[in-house]
């Protein structure tokens, strides 16, 4: 349980920094586009370390990029780009809703669905 609390605290800090304080400060000085761009790129890089082992732990990713050291860089690059794109969606949701609760709920739902799908796939997907 302590690890869950630590991950939740890091996620909350990330959300508050990227789409809360940082986004609002940059938006005030440079506009929405800059705020969304900077916040989204940082959100992408926030996921750099967790994405380093995806090609070794996920067979589908390994089949595209390879499971060796040469596959790490393209896997990480795609993960950062995809996460930055998700950051744009979360920033727009924050802008339109005027609240951090909407992007927080979407981020939680996407992560939870991913964990639930991975759990189910590991138990019920036919080996092949």
C-alpha atoms as a PDB file:
ATOM      1  CA  UNK A   1       0.000   0.000   0.000  1.00  0.00           C
ATOM      2  CA  UNK A   2       2.814   2.519   0.626  1.00  0.00           C
ATOM      3  CA  UNK A   3       3.914   2.211  -3.024  1.00  0.00           C
ATOM      4  CA  UNK A   4       0.382   3.027  -4.177  1.00  0.00           C
ATOM      5  CA  UNK A   5       0.385   6.137  -2.001  1.00  0.00           C
ATOM      6  CA  UNK A   6       3.785   7.185  -3.339  1.00  0.00           C
ATOM      7  CA  UNK A   7       2.667   6.758  -6.950  1.00  0.00           C
ATOM      8  CA  UNK A   8      -0.542   8.670  -6.254  1.00  0.00           C
ATOM      9  CA  UNK A   9       1.442  11.505  -4.653  1.00  0.00           C
ATOM     10  CA  UNK A  10       3.801  11.687  -7.649  1.00  0.00           C
ATOM     11  CA  UNK A  11       0.874  11.687 -10.057  1.00  0.00           C
ATOM     12  CA  UNK A  12      -0.838  14.467  -8.124  1.00  0.00           C
ATOM     13  CA  UNK A  13       2.370  16.516  -8.078  1.00  0.00           C
ATOM     14  CA  UNK A  14       2.786  15.994 -11.825  1.00  0.00           C
ATOM     15  CA  UNK A  15      -0.793  17.041 -12.501  1.00  0.00           C
ATOM     16  CA  UNK A  16      -0.630  20.115 -10.301  1.00  0.00           C
ATOM     17  CA  UNK A  17       2.708  21.201 -11.740  1.00  0.00           C
ATOM     18  CA  UNK A  18       2.055  20.521 -15.420  1.00  0.00           C
ATOM     19  CA  UNK A  19      -1.611  21.417 -15.821  1.00  0.00           C
ATOM     20  CA  UNK A  20      -2.072  23.466 -12.698  1.00  0.00           C
ATOM     21  CA  UNK A  21       0.561  25.979 -11.699  1.00  0.00           C
ATOM     22  CA  UNK A  22       2.925  25.736 -14.678  1.00  0.00           C
ATOM     23  CA  UNK A  23       0.174  25.789 -17.296  1.00  0.00           C
ATOM     24  CA  UNK A  24      -1.529  28.793 -15.691  1.00  0.00           C
ATOM     25  CA  UNK A  25       1.725  30.748 -15.322  1.00  0.00           C
ATOM     26  CA  UNK A  26       2.807  30.180 -18.916  1.00  0.00           C
ATOM     27  CA  UNK A  27      -0.685  30.860 -20.233  1.00  0.00           C
ATOM     28  CA  UNK A  28      -0.819  34.188 -18.433  1.00  0.00           C
ATOM     29  CA  UNK A  29       2.517  35.333 -19.910  1.00  0.00           C
ATOM     30  CA  UNK A  30       2.611  33.639 -23.326  1.00  0.00           C
ATOM     31  CA  UNK A  31      -0.857  32.331 -24.170  1.00  0.00           C
ATOM     32  CA  UNK A  32      -2.661  29.019 -24.295  1.00  0.00           C
ATOM     33  CA  UNK A  33      -0.642  27.497 -27.134  1.00  0.00           C
ATOM     34  CA  UNK A  34       2.682  27.944 -25.376  1.00  0.00           C
ATOM     35  CA  UNK A  35       1.268  26.751 -22.076  1.00  0.00           C
ATOM     36  CA  UNK A  36      -0.179  23.637 -23.660  1.00  0.00           C
ATOM     37  CA  UNK A  37       2.981  22.921 -25.660  1.00  0.00           C
ATOM     38  CA  UNK A  38       5.409  23.277 -22.761  1.00  0.00           C
ATOM     39  CA  UNK A  39       3.169  21.424 -20.335  1.00  0.00           C
ATOM     40  CA  UNK A  40       2.570  18.574 -22.780  1.00  0.00           C
ATOM     41  CA  UNK A  41       6.251  18.127 -23.643  1.00  0.00           C
ATOM     42  CA  UNK A  42       7.104  18.011 -19.937  1.00  0.00           C
ATOM     43  CA  UNK A  43       4.302  15.508 -19.408  1.00  0.00           C
ATOM     44  CA  UNK A  44       5.835  13.362 -22.147  1.00  0.00           C
ATOM     45  CA  UNK A  45       9.297  13.504 -20.596  1.00  0.00           C
ATOM     46  CA  UNK A  46       7.788  12.744 -17.175  1.00  0.00           C
ATOM     47  CA  UNK A  47       7.059   9.289 -18.635  1.00  0.00           C
ATOM     48  CA  UNK A  48      10.592   8.696 -19.953  1.00  0.00           C
ATOM     49  CA  UNK A  49      11.806   6.408 -17.172  1.00  0.00           C
ATOM     50  CA  UNK A  50       8.696   4.213 -17.010  1.00  0.00           C
ATOM     51  CA  UNK A  51       8.855   3.676 -20.779  1.00  0.00           C
ATOM     52  CA  UNK A  52      12.446   2.397 -20.833  1.00  0.00           C
ATOM     53  CA  UNK A  53      11.494  -1.225 -20.219  1.00  0.00           C
ATOM     54  CA  UNK A  54       8.337  -1.473 -22.300  1.00  0.00           C
ATOM     55  CA  UNK A  55      10.014  -3.256 -25.200  1.00  0.00           C
ATOM     56  CA  UNK A  56      11.272  -5.989 -22.852  1.00  0.00           C
ATOM     57  CA  UNK A  57       8.057  -6.462 -20.874  1.00  0.00           C
ATOM     58  CA  UNK A  58       5.457  -6.119 -23.643  1.00  0.00           C
ATOM     59  CA  UNK A  59       5.555  -8.694 -26.440  1.00  0.00           C
ATOM     60  CA  UNK A  60       3.513  -6.526 -28.822  1.00  0.00           C
ATOM     61  CA  UNK A  61       5.926  -3.605 -28.456  1.00  0.00           C
ATOM     62  CA  UNK A  62       8.897  -5.960 -28.754  1.00  0.00           C
ATOM     63  CA  UNK A  63       7.518  -7.313 -32.027  1.00  0.00           C
ATOM     64  CA  UNK A  64       7.546  -3.790 -33.481  1.00  0.00           C
ATOM     65  CA  UNK A  65      10.736  -2.317 -31.988  1.00  0.00           C
ATOM     66  CA  UNK A  66      12.674  -5.395 -30.883  1.00  0.00           C
ATOM     67  CA  UNK A  67      13.381  -6.526 -27.356  1.00  0.00           C
ATOM     68  CA  UNK A  68      17.090  -5.696 -27.277  1.00  0.00           C
ATOM     69  CA  UNK A  69      18.979  -2.510 -26.434  1.00  0.00           C
ATOM     70  CA  UNK A  70      18.495  -1.153 -29.969  1.00  0.00           C
ATOM     71  CA  UNK A  71      14.743  -1.147 -29.434  1.00  0.00           C
ATOM     72  CA  UNK A  72      14.840   1.001 -26.317  1.00  0.00           C
ATOM     73  CA  UNK A  73      15.410   4.399 -27.989  1.00  0.00           C
ATOM     74  CA  UNK A  74      12.580   4.147 -30.545  1.00  0.00           C
ATOM     75  CA  UNK A  75      10.247   2.695 -27.908  1.00  0.00           C
ATOM     76  CA  UNK A  76      10.976   5.573 -25.543  1.00  0.00           C
ATOM     77  CA  UNK A  77      10.640   8.159 -28.338  1.00  0.00           C
ATOM     78  CA  UNK A  78       7.218   6.851 -29.344  1.00  0.00           C
ATOM     79  CA  UNK A  79       6.104   6.648 -25.707  1.00  0.00           C
ATOM     80  CA  UNK A  80       7.171  10.246 -25.071  1.00  0.00           C
ATOM     81  CA  UNK A  81       5.447  11.480 -28.240  1.00  0.00           C
ATOM     82  CA  UNK A  82       2.238   9.595 -27.425  1.00  0.00           C
ATOM     83  CA  UNK A  83       2.253  10.843 -23.845  1.00  0.00           C
ATOM     84  CA  UNK A  84       2.883  14.417 -25.007  1.00  0.00           C
ATOM     85  CA  UNK A  85      -0.096  14.094 -27.376  1.00  0.00           C
ATOM     86  CA  UNK A  86      -2.173  12.865 -24.442  1.00  0.00           C
ATOM     87  CA  UNK A  87      -0.917  15.907 -22.535  1.00  0.00           C
ATOM     88  CA  UNK A  88      -2.385  18.169 -25.220  1.00  0.00           C
ATOM     89  CA  UNK A  89      -5.769  16.484 -24.760  1.00  0.00           C
ATOM     90  CA  UNK A  90      -5.535  16.827 -20.977  1.00  0.00           C
ATOM     91  CA  UNK A  91      -4.558  20.501 -21.230  1.00  0.00           C
ATOM     92  CA  UNK A  92      -7.476  21.206 -23.562  1.00  0.00           C
ATOM     93  CA  UNK A  93      -9.796  19.437 -21.162  1.00  0.00           C
ATOM     94  CA  UNK A  94      -8.413  21.601 -18.358  1.00  0.00           C
ATOM     95  CA  UNK A  95      -8.923  24.747 -20.438  1.00  0.00           C
ATOM     96  CA  UNK A  96     -12.471  23.891 -21.446  1.00  0.00           C
ATOM     97  CA  UNK A  97     -13.574  22.720 -18.010  1.00  0.00           C
ATOM     98  CA  UNK A  98     -11.734  25.414 -16.055  1.00  0.00           C
ATOM     99  CA  UNK A  99     -10.804  22.775 -13.510  1.00  0.00           C
ATOM    100  CA  UNK A 100      -8.086  20.217 -12.797  1.00  0.00           C
ATOM    101  CA  UNK A 101     -10.692  17.623 -11.838  1.00  0.00           C
ATOM    102  CA  UNK A 102     -11.710  16.772 -15.413  1.00  0.00           C
ATOM    103  CA  UNK A 103      -8.189  15.986 -16.705  1.00  0.00           C
ATOM    104  CA  UNK A 104      -7.391  14.228 -13.436  1.00  0.00           C
ATOM    105  CA  UNK A 105     -10.455  11.995 -13.821  1.00  0.00           C
ATOM    106  CA  UNK A 106      -9.637  11.230 -17.477  1.00  0.00           C
ATOM    107  CA  UNK A 107      -6.014  10.414 -16.658  1.00  0.00           C
ATOM    108  CA  UNK A 108      -7.125   8.145 -13.819  1.00  0.00           C
ATOM    109  CA  UNK A 109      -9.697   6.415 -16.033  1.00  0.00           C
ATOM    110  CA  UNK A 110      -7.219   5.771 -18.862  1.00  0.00           C
ATOM    111  CA  UNK A 111      -4.579   4.419 -16.485  1.00  0.00           C
ATOM    112  CA  UNK A 112      -7.113   2.274 -14.643  1.00  0.00           C
ATOM    113  CA  UNK A 113      -8.487   0.858 -17.892  1.00  0.00           C
ATOM    114  CA  UNK A 114      -4.945   0.062 -19.012  1.00  0.00           C
ATOM    115  CA  UNK A 115      -4.151  -1.775 -15.787  1.00  0.00           C
ATOM    116  CA  UNK A 116      -7.460  -3.651 -15.882  1.00  0.00           C
ATOM    117  CA  UNK A 117      -6.933  -4.665 -19.512  1.00  0.00           C
ATOM    118  CA  UNK A 118      -3.354  -5.798 -18.839  1.00  0.00           C
ATOM    119  CA  UNK A 119      -4.518  -7.815 -15.836  1.00  0.00           C
ATOM    120  CA  UNK A 120      -7.319  -9.444 -17.825  1.00  0.00           C
ATOM    121  CA  UNK A 121      -5.173 -10.092 -20.890  1.00  0.00           C
ATOM    122  CA  UNK A 122      -2.522 -11.833 -18.818  1.00  0.00           C
ATOM    123  CA  UNK A 123      -5.138 -14.203 -17.418  1.00  0.00           C
ATOM    124  CA  UNK A 124      -7.503 -14.815 -20.310  1.00  0.00           C
ATOM    125  CA  UNK A 125      -5.599 -14.152 -23.541  1.00  0.00           C
ATOM    126  CA  UNK A 126      -4.786 -17.389 -25.336  1.00  0.00           C
ATOM    127  CA  UNK A 127      -1.067 -18.117 -25.410  1.00  0.00           C
ATOM    128  CA  UNK A 128       0.265 -18.115 -28.862  1.00  0.00           C
END
